């Protein structure tokens, strides 16, 4: 199962931590893992390269942790929250469709 931790303070999303494998299909053919990977990597790249957010990135196979370092930077706050809330919405919808393969954990 893929576990996706969405880290929040109130309505502010601070980052996400993804671990595991969906086990929906064999490695390399798993459409759920592929979907989550695309969302996670696209979100990371948007934060880093598009809005130039101050983020910490820790990656290894089957594990990605993205956290905001400076939440109070008003120049990018709105854009960062739009990106992170879009990610949260997308993975939550996938978890609803594939409850045996994806678990969403909201932490505050």
PDB file of N, CA and C in Angstrom:
ATOM      1  N   UNK A   1       0.835  -1.179   0.000  1.00  0.00           N
ATOM      2  CA  UNK A   1       0.000   0.000   0.000  1.00  0.00           C
ATOM      3  C   UNK A   1       0.882   1.246   0.000  1.00  0.00           C
ATOM      4  N   UNK A   2       0.466   2.246  -0.750  1.00  0.00           N
ATOM      5  CA  UNK A   2       1.129   3.548  -0.727  1.00  0.00           C
ATOM      6  C   UNK A   2       0.512   4.345   0.407  1.00  0.00           C
ATOM      7  N   UNK A   3       1.362   4.906   1.254  1.00  0.00           N
ATOM      8  CA  UNK A   3       0.902   5.779   2.319  1.00  0.00           C
ATOM      9  C   UNK A   3       1.361   7.192   1.998  1.00  0.00           C
ATOM     10  N   UNK A   4       0.407   8.110   2.017  1.00  0.00           N
ATOM     11  CA  UNK A   4       0.696   9.504   1.711  1.00  0.00           C
ATOM     12  C   UNK A   4       0.308  10.338   2.921  1.00  0.00           C
ATOM     13  N   UNK A   5       1.317  10.888   3.565  1.00  0.00           N
ATOM     14  CA  UNK A   5       1.078  11.756   4.708  1.00  0.00           C
ATOM     15  C   UNK A   5       1.047  13.196   4.205  1.00  0.00           C
ATOM     16  N   UNK A   6      -0.059  13.876   4.471  1.00  0.00           N
ATOM     17  CA  UNK A   6      -0.197  15.290   4.138  1.00  0.00           C
ATOM     18  C   UNK A   6       0.006  16.057   5.438  1.00  0.00           C
ATOM     19  N   UNK A   7       1.075  16.841   5.500  1.00  0.00           N
ATOM     20  CA  UNK A   7       1.407  17.582   6.715  1.00  0.00           C
ATOM     21  C   UNK A   7       0.779  18.970   6.660  1.00  0.00           C
ATOM     22  N   UNK A   8       0.025  19.304   7.724  1.00  0.00           N
ATOM     23  CA  UNK A   8      -0.704  20.574   7.750  1.00  0.00           C
ATOM     24  C   UNK A   8      -0.605  21.239   9.110  1.00  0.00           C
ATOM     25  N   UNK A   9      -0.798  22.542   9.080  1.00  0.00           N
ATOM     26  CA  UNK A   9      -1.131  23.322  10.268  1.00  0.00           C
ATOM     27  C   UNK A   9      -2.386  24.086   9.884  1.00  0.00           C
ATOM     28  N   UNK A  10      -3.504  23.762  10.485  1.00  0.00           N
ATOM     29  CA  UNK A  10      -4.775  24.364  10.095  1.00  0.00           C
ATOM     30  C   UNK A  10      -5.063  24.037   8.648  1.00  0.00           C
ATOM     31  N   UNK A  11      -5.278  25.052   7.826  1.00  0.00           N
ATOM     32  CA  UNK A  11      -5.532  24.860   6.400  1.00  0.00           C
ATOM     33  C   UNK A  11      -4.268  24.994   5.555  1.00  0.00           C
ATOM     34  N   UNK A  12      -3.133  25.229   6.193  1.00  0.00           N
ATOM     35  CA  UNK A  12      -1.875  25.394   5.471  1.00  0.00           C
ATOM     36  C   UNK A  12      -1.197  24.050   5.298  1.00  0.00           C
ATOM     37  N   UNK A  13      -0.962  23.664   4.055  1.00  0.00           N
ATOM     38  CA  UNK A  13      -0.258  22.418   3.763  1.00  0.00           C
ATOM     39  C   UNK A  13       1.236  22.710   3.809  1.00  0.00           C
ATOM     40  N   UNK A  14       1.968  21.911   4.606  1.00  0.00           N
ATOM     41  CA  UNK A  14       3.400  22.128   4.815  1.00  0.00           C
ATOM     42  C   UNK A  14       4.271  21.176   4.003  1.00  0.00           C
ATOM     43  N   UNK A  15       3.660  20.120   3.449  1.00  0.00           N
ATOM     44  CA  UNK A  15       4.433  19.170   2.669  1.00  0.00           C
ATOM     45  C   UNK A  15       3.751  17.826   2.611  1.00  0.00           C
ATOM     46  N   UNK A  16       4.479  16.845   2.087  1.00  0.00           N
ATOM     47  CA  UNK A  16       3.938  15.491   1.982  1.00  0.00           C
ATOM     48  C   UNK A  16       5.056  14.463   2.065  1.00  0.00           C
ATOM     49  N   UNK A  17       4.672  13.285   2.515  1.00  0.00           N
ATOM     50  CA  UNK A  17       5.609  12.171   2.630  1.00  0.00           C
ATOM     51  C   UNK A  17       4.937  10.942   2.038  1.00  0.00           C
ATOM     52  N   UNK A  18       5.551  10.359   1.028  1.00  0.00           N
ATOM     53  CA  UNK A  18       4.992   9.204   0.325  1.00  0.00           C
ATOM     54  C   UNK A  18       5.921   8.016   0.520  1.00  0.00           C
ATOM     55  N   UNK A  19       5.334   6.895   0.932  1.00  0.00           N
ATOM     56  CA  UNK A  19       6.107   5.668   1.100  1.00  0.00           C
ATOM     57  C   UNK A  19       5.313   4.486   0.545  1.00  0.00           C
ATOM     58  N   UNK A  20       6.028   3.451   0.166  1.00  0.00           N
ATOM     59  CA  UNK A  20       5.392   2.192  -0.187  1.00  0.00           C
ATOM     60  C   UNK A  20       5.151   1.979  -1.667  1.00  0.00           C
ATOM     61  N   UNK A  21       4.421   0.912  -1.935  1.00  0.00           N
ATOM     62  CA  UNK A  21       4.074   0.503  -3.291  1.00  0.00           C
ATOM     63  C   UNK A  21       2.604   0.089  -3.298  1.00  0.00           C
ATOM     64  N   UNK A  22       1.908   0.401  -4.351  1.00  0.00           N
ATOM     65  CA  UNK A  22       0.471   0.129  -4.424  1.00  0.00           C
ATOM     66  C   UNK A  22       0.140  -1.354  -4.489  1.00  0.00           C
ATOM     67  N   UNK A  23       1.038  -2.148  -5.066  1.00  0.00           N
ATOM     68  CA  UNK A  23       0.787  -3.585  -5.245  1.00  0.00           C
ATOM     69  C   UNK A  23      -0.484  -3.858  -6.048  1.00  0.00           C
ATOM     70  N   UNK A  24      -0.769  -2.976  -6.975  1.00  0.00           N
ATOM     71  CA  UNK A  24      -1.921  -3.143  -7.866  1.00  0.00           C
ATOM     72  C   UNK A  24      -1.563  -4.049  -9.043  1.00  0.00           C
ATOM     73  N   UNK A  25      -0.313  -3.956  -9.472  1.00  0.00           N
ATOM     74  CA  UNK A  25       0.192  -4.743 -10.605  1.00  0.00           C
ATOM     75  C   UNK A  25       1.690  -4.954 -10.385  1.00  0.00           C
ATOM     76  N   UNK A  26       2.321  -5.803 -11.179  1.00  0.00           N
ATOM     77  CA  UNK A  26       3.761  -6.019 -11.027  1.00  0.00           C
ATOM     78  C   UNK A  26       4.547  -4.715 -11.184  1.00  0.00           C
ATOM     79  N   UNK A  27       5.702  -4.690 -10.512  1.00  0.00           N
ATOM     80  CA  UNK A  27       6.591  -3.535 -10.591  1.00  0.00           C
ATOM     81  C   UNK A  27       6.854  -3.187 -12.059  1.00  0.00           C
ATOM     82  N   UNK A  28       6.734  -1.898 -12.369  1.00  0.00           N
ATOM     83  CA  UNK A  28       6.946  -1.433 -13.735  1.00  0.00           C
ATOM     84  C   UNK A  28       5.677  -1.393 -14.563  1.00  0.00           C
ATOM     85  N   UNK A  29       4.599  -2.000 -14.056  1.00  0.00           N
ATOM     86  CA  UNK A  29       3.324  -2.005 -14.772  1.00  0.00           C
ATOM     87  C   UNK A  29       2.178  -1.489 -13.902  1.00  0.00           C
ATOM     88  N   UNK A  30       2.524  -0.964 -12.756  1.00  0.00           N
ATOM     89  CA  UNK A  30       1.519  -0.535 -11.779  1.00  0.00           C
ATOM     90  C   UNK A  30       1.058   0.890 -12.086  1.00  0.00           C
ATOM     91  N   UNK A  31      -0.168   1.021 -12.595  1.00  0.00           N
ATOM     92  CA  UNK A  31      -0.686   2.333 -12.996  1.00  0.00           C
ATOM     93  C   UNK A  31      -0.934   3.242 -11.793  1.00  0.00           C
ATOM     94  N   UNK A  32      -1.221   2.663 -10.637  1.00  0.00           N
ATOM     95  CA  UNK A  32      -1.447   3.492  -9.453  1.00  0.00           C
ATOM     96  C   UNK A  32      -0.129   4.099  -8.983  1.00  0.00           C
ATOM     97  N   UNK A  33       0.912   3.292  -8.926  1.00  0.00           N
ATOM     98  CA  UNK A  33       2.237   3.831  -8.568  1.00  0.00           C
ATOM     99  C   UNK A  33       2.675   4.892  -9.576  1.00  0.00           C
ATOM    100  N   UNK A  34       2.412   4.635 -10.834  1.00  0.00           N
ATOM    101  CA  UNK A  34       2.783   5.604 -11.868  1.00  0.00           C
ATOM    102  C   UNK A  34       2.038   6.923 -11.671  1.00  0.00           C
ATOM    103  N   UNK A  35       0.745   6.837 -11.374  1.00  0.00           N
ATOM    104  CA  UNK A  35      -0.054   8.057 -11.177  1.00  0.00           C
ATOM    105  C   UNK A  35       0.453   8.857  -9.977  1.00  0.00           C
ATOM    106  N   UNK A  36       0.711   8.173  -8.875  1.00  0.00           N
ATOM    107  CA  UNK A  36       1.205   8.863  -7.679  1.00  0.00           C
ATOM    108  C   UNK A  36       2.594   9.450  -7.948  1.00  0.00           C
ATOM    109  N   UNK A  37       3.434   8.715  -8.641  1.00  0.00           N
ATOM    110  CA  UNK A  37       4.772   9.216  -8.967  1.00  0.00           C
ATOM    111  C   UNK A  37       4.712  10.481  -9.809  1.00  0.00           C
ATOM    112  N   UNK A  38       3.857  10.476 -10.807  1.00  0.00           N
ATOM    113  CA  UNK A  38       3.717  11.659 -11.672  1.00  0.00           C
ATOM    114  C   UNK A  38       3.243  12.854 -10.849  1.00  0.00           C
ATOM    115  N   UNK A  39       2.247  12.647 -10.009  1.00  0.00           N
ATOM    116  CA  UNK A  39       1.741  13.749  -9.184  1.00  0.00           C
ATOM    117  C   UNK A  39       2.812  14.258  -8.221  1.00  0.00           C
ATOM    118  N   UNK A  40       3.515  13.346  -7.569  1.00  0.00           N
ATOM    119  CA  UNK A  40       4.533  13.743  -6.589  1.00  0.00           C
ATOM    120  C   UNK A  40       5.697  14.483  -7.241  1.00  0.00           C
ATOM    121  N   UNK A  41       6.173  13.973  -8.345  1.00  0.00           N
ATOM    122  CA  UNK A  41       7.323  14.592  -9.023  1.00  0.00           C
ATOM    123  C   UNK A  41       6.911  15.916  -9.666  1.00  0.00           C
ATOM    124  N   UNK A  42       5.745  15.973 -10.272  1.00  0.00           N
ATOM    125  CA  UNK A  42       5.268  17.231 -10.871  1.00  0.00           C
ATOM    126  C   UNK A  42       5.083  18.300  -9.802  1.00  0.00           C
ATOM    127  N   UNK A  43       4.550  17.905  -8.658  1.00  0.00           N
ATOM    128  CA  UNK A  43       4.359  18.863  -7.561  1.00  0.00           C
ATOM    129  C   UNK A  43       5.709  19.359  -7.052  1.00  0.00           C
ATOM    130  N   UNK A  44       6.639  18.439  -6.837  1.00  0.00           N
ATOM    131  CA  UNK A  44       7.985  18.821  -6.389  1.00  0.00           C
ATOM    132  C   UNK A  44       8.614  19.792  -7.383  1.00  0.00           C
ATOM    133  N   UNK A  45       8.535  19.477  -8.669  1.00  0.00           N
ATOM    134  CA  UNK A  45       9.137  20.331  -9.690  1.00  0.00           C
ATOM    135  C   UNK A  45       8.464  21.689  -9.777  1.00  0.00           C
ATOM    136  N   UNK A  46       7.151  21.735  -9.630  1.00  0.00           N
ATOM    137  CA  UNK A  46       6.442  23.018  -9.646  1.00  0.00           C
ATOM    138  C   UNK A  46       6.867  23.879  -8.464  1.00  0.00           C
ATOM    139  N   UNK A  47       6.974  23.271  -7.297  1.00  0.00           N
ATOM    140  CA  UNK A  47       7.400  24.026  -6.118  1.00  0.00           C
ATOM    141  C   UNK A  47       8.828  24.546  -6.283  1.00  0.00           C
ATOM    142  N   UNK A  48       9.702  23.678  -6.750  1.00  0.00           N
ATOM    143  CA  UNK A  48      11.123  24.009  -6.844  1.00  0.00           C
ATOM    144  C   UNK A  48      11.430  24.927  -8.026  1.00  0.00           C
ATOM    145  N   UNK A  49      10.922  24.588  -9.203  1.00  0.00           N
ATOM    146  CA  UNK A  49      11.349  25.258 -10.431  1.00  0.00           C
ATOM    147  C   UNK A  49      10.421  26.378 -10.892  1.00  0.00           C
ATOM    148  N   UNK A  50       9.141  26.281 -10.596  1.00  0.00           N
ATOM    149  CA  UNK A  50       8.198  27.286 -11.087  1.00  0.00           C
ATOM    150  C   UNK A  50       8.042  28.425 -10.101  1.00  0.00           C
ATOM    151  N   UNK A  51       7.704  28.108  -8.841  1.00  0.00           N
ATOM    152  CA  UNK A  51       7.499  29.187  -7.865  1.00  0.00           C
ATOM    153  C   UNK A  51       8.711  29.432  -6.980  1.00  0.00           C
ATOM    154  N   UNK A  52       9.766  28.622  -7.172  1.00  0.00           N
ATOM    155  CA  UNK A  52      11.018  28.797  -6.428  1.00  0.00           C
ATOM    156  C   UNK A  52      10.788  28.778  -4.911  1.00  0.00           C
ATOM    157  N   UNK A  53       9.935  27.863  -4.460  1.00  0.00           N
ATOM    158  CA  UNK A  53       9.649  27.736  -3.033  1.00  0.00           C
ATOM    159  C   UNK A  53      10.867  27.210  -2.293  1.00  0.00           C
ATOM    160  N   UNK A  54      10.981  27.616  -1.053  1.00  0.00           N
ATOM    161  CA  UNK A  54      12.052  27.143  -0.180  1.00  0.00           C
ATOM    162  C   UNK A  54      11.606  25.803   0.409  1.00  0.00           C
ATOM    163  N   UNK A  55      12.013  24.699  -0.243  1.00  0.00           N
ATOM    164  CA  UNK A  55      11.584  23.369   0.182  1.00  0.00           C
ATOM    165  C   UNK A  55      12.780  22.478   0.458  1.00  0.00           C
ATOM    166  N   UNK A  56      12.534  21.493   1.309  1.00  0.00           N
ATOM    167  CA  UNK A  56      13.519  20.440   1.550  1.00  0.00           C
ATOM    168  C   UNK A  56      13.023  19.192   0.849  1.00  0.00           C
ATOM    169  N   UNK A  57      13.919  18.526   0.138  1.00  0.00           N
ATOM    170  CA  UNK A  57      13.570  17.331  -0.638  1.00  0.00           C
ATOM    171  C   UNK A  57      14.429  16.172  -0.161  1.00  0.00           C
ATOM    172  N   UNK A  58      13.773  15.088   0.222  1.00  0.00           N
ATOM    173  CA  UNK A  58      14.480  13.852   0.568  1.00  0.00           C
ATOM    174  C   UNK A  58      13.847  12.746  -0.261  1.00  0.00           C
ATOM    175  N   UNK A  59      14.667  12.120  -1.107  1.00  0.00           N
ATOM    176  CA  UNK A  59      14.162  11.070  -1.997  1.00  0.00           C
ATOM    177  C   UNK A  59      15.053   9.845  -1.961  1.00  0.00           C
ATOM    178  N   UNK A  60      14.410   8.710  -1.967  1.00  0.00           N
ATOM    179  CA  UNK A  60      15.059   7.435  -2.209  1.00  0.00           C
ATOM    180  C   UNK A  60      13.984   6.518  -2.765  1.00  0.00           C
ATOM    181  N   UNK A  61      14.341   5.399  -3.350  1.00  0.00           N
ATOM    182  CA  UNK A  61      13.319   4.537  -3.954  1.00  0.00           C
ATOM    183  C   UNK A  61      12.201   4.195  -2.960  1.00  0.00           C
ATOM    184  N   UNK A  62      10.971   4.462  -3.363  1.00  0.00           N
ATOM    185  CA  UNK A  62       9.813   4.156  -2.532  1.00  0.00           C
ATOM    186  C   UNK A  62       9.579   5.116  -1.396  1.00  0.00           C
ATOM    187  N   UNK A  63      10.244   6.277  -1.407  1.00  0.00           N
ATOM    188  CA  UNK A  63      10.121   7.221  -0.294  1.00  0.00           C
ATOM    189  C   UNK A  63      10.444   8.627  -0.785  1.00  0.00           C
ATOM    190  N   UNK A  64       9.487   9.536  -0.641  1.00  0.00           N
ATOM    191  CA  UNK A  64       9.709  10.938  -1.000  1.00  0.00           C
ATOM    192  C   UNK A  64       9.123  11.820   0.094  1.00  0.00           C
ATOM    193  N   UNK A  65       9.939  12.735   0.599  1.00  0.00           N
ATOM    194  CA  UNK A  65       9.516  13.695   1.610  1.00  0.00           C
ATOM    195  C   UNK A  65       9.790  15.092   1.085  1.00  0.00           C
ATOM    196  N   UNK A  66       8.745  15.900   1.031  1.00  0.00           N
ATOM    197  CA  UNK A  66       8.837  17.292   0.597  1.00  0.00           C
ATOM    198  C   UNK A  66       8.278  18.152   1.728  1.00  0.00           C
ATOM    199  N   UNK A  67       9.082  19.093   2.224  1.00  0.00           N
ATOM    200  CA  UNK A  67       8.603  19.983   3.281  1.00  0.00           C
ATOM    201  C   UNK A  67       8.982  21.426   2.971  1.00  0.00           C
ATOM    202  N   UNK A  68       8.085  22.329   3.338  1.00  0.00           N
ATOM    203  CA  UNK A  68       8.356  23.754   3.186  1.00  0.00           C
ATOM    204  C   UNK A  68       9.291  24.203   4.297  1.00  0.00           C
ATOM    205  N   UNK A  69      10.283  24.995   3.950  1.00  0.00           N
ATOM    206  CA  UNK A  69      11.198  25.532   4.953  1.00  0.00           C
ATOM    207  C   UNK A  69      10.750  26.886   5.468  1.00  0.00           C
ATOM    208  N   UNK A  70      10.132  27.709   4.625  1.00  0.00           N
ATOM    209  CA  UNK A  70       9.746  29.052   5.022  1.00  0.00           C
ATOM    210  C   UNK A  70       8.296  29.284   4.628  1.00  0.00           C
ATOM    211  N   UNK A  71       7.399  28.989   5.548  1.00  0.00           N
ATOM    212  CA  UNK A  71       5.960  29.094   5.263  1.00  0.00           C
ATOM    213  C   UNK A  71       5.522  30.545   5.167  1.00  0.00           C
ATOM    214  N   UNK A  72       6.244  31.452   5.774  1.00  0.00           N
ATOM    215  CA  UNK A  72       5.797  32.840   5.873  1.00  0.00           C
ATOM    216  C   UNK A  72       6.236  33.732   4.722  1.00  0.00           C
ATOM    217  N   UNK A  73       6.790  33.172   3.659  1.00  0.00           N
ATOM    218  CA  UNK A  73       7.187  33.975   2.508  1.00  0.00           C
ATOM    219  C   UNK A  73       5.935  34.308   1.700  1.00  0.00           C
ATOM    220  N   UNK A  74       5.382  35.501   1.914  1.00  0.00           N
ATOM    221  CA  UNK A  74       4.105  35.862   1.304  1.00  0.00           C
ATOM    222  C   UNK A  74       4.167  35.919  -0.216  1.00  0.00           C
ATOM    223  N   UNK A  75       5.351  36.179  -0.782  1.00  0.00           N
ATOM    224  CA  UNK A  75       5.467  36.263  -2.240  1.00  0.00           C
ATOM    225  C   UNK A  75       5.034  34.974  -2.921  1.00  0.00           C
ATOM    226  N   UNK A  76       5.344  33.857  -2.313  1.00  0.00           N
ATOM    227  CA  UNK A  76       5.011  32.579  -2.944  1.00  0.00           C
ATOM    228  C   UNK A  76       3.964  31.781  -2.171  1.00  0.00           C
ATOM    229  N   UNK A  77       3.508  32.263  -1.022  1.00  0.00           N
ATOM    230  CA  UNK A  77       2.597  31.493  -0.166  1.00  0.00           C
ATOM    231  C   UNK A  77       1.358  31.012  -0.923  1.00  0.00           C
ATOM    232  N   UNK A  78       0.672  31.927  -1.594  1.00  0.00           N
ATOM    233  CA  UNK A  78      -0.558  31.546  -2.301  1.00  0.00           C
ATOM    234  C   UNK A  78      -0.295  30.526  -3.393  1.00  0.00           C
ATOM    235  N   UNK A  79       0.758  30.734  -4.164  1.00  0.00           N
ATOM    236  CA  UNK A  79       1.088  29.804  -5.234  1.00  0.00           C
ATOM    237  C   UNK A  79       1.463  28.433  -4.681  1.00  0.00           C
ATOM    238  N   UNK A  80       2.257  28.427  -3.624  1.00  0.00           N
ATOM    239  CA  UNK A  80       2.663  27.166  -2.994  1.00  0.00           C
ATOM    240  C   UNK A  80       1.445  26.412  -2.487  1.00  0.00           C
ATOM    241  N   UNK A  81       0.525  27.123  -1.853  1.00  0.00           N
ATOM    242  CA  UNK A  81      -0.670  26.458  -1.325  1.00  0.00           C
ATOM    243  C   UNK A  81      -1.564  25.926  -2.447  1.00  0.00           C
ATOM    244  N   UNK A  82      -1.672  26.646  -3.531  1.00  0.00           N
ATOM    245  CA  UNK A  82      -2.449  26.144  -4.670  1.00  0.00           C
ATOM    246  C   UNK A  82      -1.837  24.845  -5.191  1.00  0.00           C
ATOM    247  N   UNK A  83      -0.524  24.818  -5.322  1.00  0.00           N
ATOM    248  CA  UNK A  83       0.154  23.613  -5.822  1.00  0.00           C
ATOM    249  C   UNK A  83      -0.037  22.454  -4.850  1.00  0.00           C
ATOM    250  N   UNK A  84       0.204  22.689  -3.558  1.00  0.00           N
ATOM    251  CA  UNK A  84       0.103  21.611  -2.576  1.00  0.00           C
ATOM    252  C   UNK A  84      -1.339  21.141  -2.376  1.00  0.00           C
ATOM    253  N   UNK A  85      -2.290  22.052  -2.422  1.00  0.00           N
ATOM    254  CA  UNK A  85      -3.694  21.652  -2.267  1.00  0.00           C
ATOM    255  C   UNK A  85      -4.194  20.928  -3.511  1.00  0.00           C
ATOM    256  N   UNK A  86      -3.685  21.278  -4.668  1.00  0.00           N
ATOM    257  CA  UNK A  86      -4.024  20.533  -5.890  1.00  0.00           C
ATOM    258  C   UNK A  86      -3.493  19.109  -5.804  1.00  0.00           C
ATOM    259  N   UNK A  87      -2.249  18.945  -5.322  1.00  0.00           N
ATOM    260  CA  UNK A  87      -1.675  17.616  -5.107  1.00  0.00           C
ATOM    261  C   UNK A  87      -2.540  16.825  -4.119  1.00  0.00           C
ATOM    262  N   UNK A  88      -2.877  17.463  -3.005  1.00  0.00           N
ATOM    263  CA  UNK A  88      -3.691  16.804  -1.972  1.00  0.00           C
ATOM    264  C   UNK A  88      -5.027  16.351  -2.544  1.00  0.00           C
ATOM    265  N   UNK A  89      -5.668  17.202  -3.307  1.00  0.00           N
ATOM    266  CA  UNK A  89      -6.952  16.861  -3.923  1.00  0.00           C
ATOM    267  C   UNK A  89      -6.812  15.673  -4.871  1.00  0.00           C
ATOM    268  N   UNK A  90      -5.783  15.687  -5.695  1.00  0.00           N
ATOM    269  CA  UNK A  90      -5.588  14.617  -6.677  1.00  0.00           C
ATOM    270  C   UNK A  90      -5.326  13.276  -6.008  1.00  0.00           C
ATOM    271  N   UNK A  91      -4.426  13.238  -5.001  1.00  0.00           N
ATOM    272  CA  UNK A  91      -4.125  11.957  -4.362  1.00  0.00           C
ATOM    273  C   UNK A  91      -5.292  11.474  -3.509  1.00  0.00           C
ATOM    274  N   UNK A  92      -6.057  12.400  -2.946  1.00  0.00           N
ATOM    275  CA  UNK A  92      -7.244  12.015  -2.176  1.00  0.00           C
ATOM    276  C   UNK A  92      -8.282  11.380  -3.091  1.00  0.00           C
ATOM    277  N   UNK A  93      -8.452  11.933  -4.278  1.00  0.00           N
ATOM    278  CA  UNK A  93      -9.385  11.336  -5.246  1.00  0.00           C
ATOM    279  C   UNK A  93      -8.932   9.951  -5.671  1.00  0.00           C
ATOM    280  N   UNK A  94      -7.637   9.775  -5.898  1.00  0.00           N
ATOM    281  CA  UNK A  94      -7.119   8.453  -6.244  1.00  0.00           C
ATOM    282  C   UNK A  94      -7.314   7.465  -5.093  1.00  0.00           C
ATOM    283  N   UNK A  95      -7.086   7.916  -3.870  1.00  0.00           N
ATOM    284  CA  UNK A  95      -7.271   7.046  -2.700  1.00  0.00           C
ATOM    285  C   UNK A  95      -8.726   6.629  -2.556  1.00  0.00           C
ATOM    286  N   UNK A  96      -9.630   7.521  -2.898  1.00  0.00           N
ATOM    287  CA  UNK A  96     -11.058   7.184  -2.867  1.00  0.00           C
ATOM    288  C   UNK A  96     -11.374   6.092  -3.886  1.00  0.00           C
ATOM    289  N   UNK A  97     -10.757   6.183  -5.052  1.00  0.00           N
ATOM    290  CA  UNK A  97     -10.989   5.199  -6.113  1.00  0.00           C
ATOM    291  C   UNK A  97     -10.255   3.882  -5.867  1.00  0.00           C
ATOM    292  N   UNK A  98      -9.136   3.922  -5.156  1.00  0.00           N
ATOM    293  CA  UNK A  98      -8.308   2.729  -4.909  1.00  0.00           C
ATOM    294  C   UNK A  98      -7.990   2.603  -3.413  1.00  0.00           C
ATOM    295  N   UNK A  99      -9.016   2.386  -2.582  1.00  0.00           N
ATOM    296  CA  UNK A  99      -8.796   2.370  -1.126  1.00  0.00           C
ATOM    297  C   UNK A  99      -7.937   1.209  -0.634  1.00  0.00           C
ATOM    298  N   UNK A 100      -7.798   0.167  -1.413  1.00  0.00           N
ATOM    299  CA  UNK A 100      -6.953  -0.960  -1.016  1.00  0.00           C
ATOM    300  C   UNK A 100      -5.488  -0.757  -1.359  1.00  0.00           C
ATOM    301  N   UNK A 101      -5.198   0.355  -2.072  1.00  0.00           N
ATOM    302  CA  UNK A 101      -3.835   0.581  -2.558  1.00  0.00           C
ATOM    303  C   UNK A 101      -3.216   1.878  -2.078  1.00  0.00           C
ATOM    304  N   UNK A 102      -4.052   2.833  -1.653  1.00  0.00           N
ATOM    305  CA  UNK A 102      -3.553   4.156  -1.236  1.00  0.00           C
ATOM    306  C   UNK A 102      -4.225   4.542   0.080  1.00  0.00           C
ATOM    307  N   UNK A 103      -3.402   4.987   1.029  1.00  0.00           N
ATOM    308  CA  UNK A 103      -3.920   5.505   2.292  1.00  0.00           C
ATOM    309  C   UNK A 103      -3.439   6.937   2.458  1.00  0.00           C
ATOM    310  N   UNK A 104      -4.367   7.831   2.765  1.00  0.00           N
ATOM    311  CA  UNK A 104      -4.040   9.236   3.026  1.00  0.00           C
ATOM    312  C   UNK A 104      -4.052   9.437   4.534  1.00  0.00           C
ATOM    313  N   UNK A 105      -2.990  10.048   5.030  1.00  0.00           N
ATOM    314  CA  UNK A 105      -2.874  10.353   6.458  1.00  0.00           C
ATOM    315  C   UNK A 105      -2.690  11.862   6.569  1.00  0.00           C
ATOM    316  N   UNK A 106      -3.638  12.527   7.196  1.00  0.00           N
ATOM    317  CA  UNK A 106      -3.525  13.970   7.422  1.00  0.00           C
ATOM    318  C   UNK A 106      -2.960  14.202   8.817  1.00  0.00           C
ATOM    319  N   UNK A 107      -1.845  14.897   8.899  1.00  0.00           N
ATOM    320  CA  UNK A 107      -1.244  15.193  10.194  1.00  0.00           C
ATOM    321  C   UNK A 107      -1.268  16.692  10.437  1.00  0.00           C
ATOM    322  N   UNK A 108      -1.417  17.032  11.680  1.00  0.00           N
ATOM    323  CA  UNK A 108      -1.472  18.449  12.049  1.00  0.00           C
ATOM    324  C   UNK A 108      -0.478  18.721  13.140  1.00  0.00           C
TER     325      UNK A 108
END
